[in-house]
C-alpha atoms as a PDB file:
ATOM      1  CA  MET A   1      -8.743  45.189 -66.985  1.00  0.00           C
ATOM      2  CA  ALA A   2     -10.001  47.048 -63.903  1.00  0.00           C
ATOM      3  CA  SER A   3     -13.278  48.929 -63.937  1.00  0.00           C
ATOM      4  CA  ALA A   4     -13.266  52.671 -63.299  1.00  0.00           C
ATOM      5  CA  HIS A   5     -15.720  51.938 -60.475  1.00  0.00           C
ATOM      6  CA  SER A   6     -13.755  49.160 -58.780  1.00  0.00           C
ATOM      7  CA  SER A   7     -13.363  49.247 -55.011  1.00  0.00           C
ATOM      8  CA  ALA A   8      -9.577  49.500 -55.386  1.00  0.00           C
ATOM      9  CA  ALA A   9      -9.935  52.766 -57.305  1.00  0.00           C
ATOM     10  CA  SER A  10     -12.387  54.393 -54.891  1.00  0.00           C
ATOM     11  CA  PRO A  11     -12.678  53.848 -51.132  1.00  0.00           C
ATOM     12  CA  ALA A  12     -15.939  52.700 -49.564  1.00  0.00           C
ATOM     13  CA  THR A  13     -18.359  55.302 -48.277  1.00  0.00           C
ATOM     14  CA  GLU A  14     -19.567  54.961 -44.699  1.00  0.00           C
ATOM     15  CA  SER A  15     -22.250  56.728 -42.658  1.00  0.00           C
ATOM     16  CA  LEU A  16     -22.127  58.124 -39.141  1.00  0.00           C
ATOM     17  CA  VAL A  17     -24.998  59.401 -36.987  1.00  0.00           C
ATOM     18  CA  LEU A  18     -24.094  61.882 -34.245  1.00  0.00           C
ATOM     19  CA  GLY A  19     -26.086  63.847 -31.692  1.00  0.00           C
ATOM     20  CA  GLY A  20     -25.262  67.440 -30.880  1.00  0.00           C
ATOM     21  CA  GLY A  21     -26.729  70.663 -29.561  1.00  0.00           C
ATOM     22  CA  CYS A  22     -26.777  73.350 -32.231  1.00  0.00           C
ATOM     23  CA  PHE A  23     -26.623  71.296 -35.402  1.00  0.00           C
ATOM     24  CA  TRP A  24     -26.063  74.298 -37.640  1.00  0.00           C
ATOM     25  CA  CYS A  25     -22.707  74.850 -35.911  1.00  0.00           C
ATOM     26  CA  THR A  26     -21.671  71.190 -35.929  1.00  0.00           C
ATOM     27  CA  GLU A  27     -22.792  70.809 -39.548  1.00  0.00           C
ATOM     28  CA  ALA A  28     -20.457  73.594 -40.641  1.00  0.00           C
ATOM     29  CA  ALA A  29     -17.535  72.025 -38.755  1.00  0.00           C
ATOM     30  CA  TYR A  30     -18.095  68.530 -40.206  1.00  0.00           C
ATOM     31  CA  LYS A  31     -18.350  69.893 -43.756  1.00  0.00           C
ATOM     32  CA  ARG A  32     -14.773  71.204 -43.396  1.00  0.00           C
ATOM     33  CA  LEU A  33     -13.295  67.783 -42.535  1.00  0.00           C
ATOM     34  CA  PRO A  34     -11.340  65.996 -45.265  1.00  0.00           C
ATOM     35  CA  GLY A  35     -13.265  63.072 -46.730  1.00  0.00           C
ATOM     36  CA  VAL A  36     -16.721  64.238 -45.619  1.00  0.00           C
ATOM     37  CA  LYS A  37     -18.974  64.112 -48.669  1.00  0.00           C
ATOM     38  CA  HIS A  38     -22.385  65.026 -47.210  1.00  0.00           C
ATOM     39  CA  VAL A  39     -23.798  66.355 -43.931  1.00  0.00           C
ATOM     40  CA  THR A  40     -27.511  66.326 -43.080  1.00  0.00           C
ATOM     41  CA  SER A  41     -28.944  67.856 -39.912  1.00  0.00           C
ATOM     42  CA  GLY A  42     -32.205  66.886 -38.277  1.00  0.00           C
ATOM     43  CA  TYR A  43     -34.046  66.008 -35.106  1.00  0.00           C
ATOM     44  CA  ALA A  44     -34.045  62.673 -33.230  1.00  0.00           C
ATOM     45  CA  GLY A  45     -37.118  60.659 -32.260  1.00  0.00           C
ATOM     46  CA  GLY A  46     -40.561  62.232 -32.224  1.00  0.00           C
ATOM     47  CA  LYS A  47     -43.842  61.534 -33.941  1.00  0.00           C
ATOM     48  CA  GLU A  48     -43.610  63.932 -36.922  1.00  0.00           C
ATOM     49  CA  GLN A  49     -41.752  62.568 -39.946  1.00  0.00           C
ATOM     50  CA  ASN A  50     -40.188  65.865 -41.090  1.00  0.00           C
ATOM     51  CA  PRO A  51     -40.711  68.477 -38.370  1.00  0.00           C
ATOM     52  CA  ASN A  52     -39.809  72.097 -38.933  1.00  0.00           C
ATOM     53  CA  TYR A  53     -38.058  74.417 -36.502  1.00  0.00           C
ATOM     54  CA  ASP A  54     -41.293  76.074 -35.304  1.00  0.00           C
ATOM     55  CA  GLN A  55     -42.862  72.688 -34.468  1.00  0.00           C
ATOM     56  CA  ILE A  56     -39.785  71.686 -32.487  1.00  0.00           C
ATOM     57  CA  CYS A  57     -39.698  74.993 -30.578  1.00  0.00           C
ATOM     58  CA  ALA A  58     -43.397  74.574 -29.697  1.00  0.00           C
ATOM     59  CA  HIS A  59     -42.578  71.135 -28.167  1.00  0.00           C
ATOM     60  CA  ALA A  60     -45.337  69.637 -30.332  1.00  0.00           C
ATOM     61  CA  THR A  61     -43.478  66.691 -31.869  1.00  0.00           C
ATOM     62  CA  SER A  62     -41.716  64.784 -29.033  1.00  0.00           C
ATOM     63  CA  HIS A  63     -38.361  65.192 -30.823  1.00  0.00           C
ATOM     64  CA  ALA A  64     -35.122  65.525 -28.885  1.00  0.00           C
END
């Protein structure tokens, strides 16, 4: 008897990290793709763990 959660019944989930310019625009496009379950935008690198937009614009965090 197969489990309802067996790998044959549901495909594996994978992750992908991409870099882009305006992530609000790319986020909207990726959310429309079939099979995409979740999209999270953010900044790369830097010394602040969770910088906000104002910190990034002030060039105070070393994020890309």
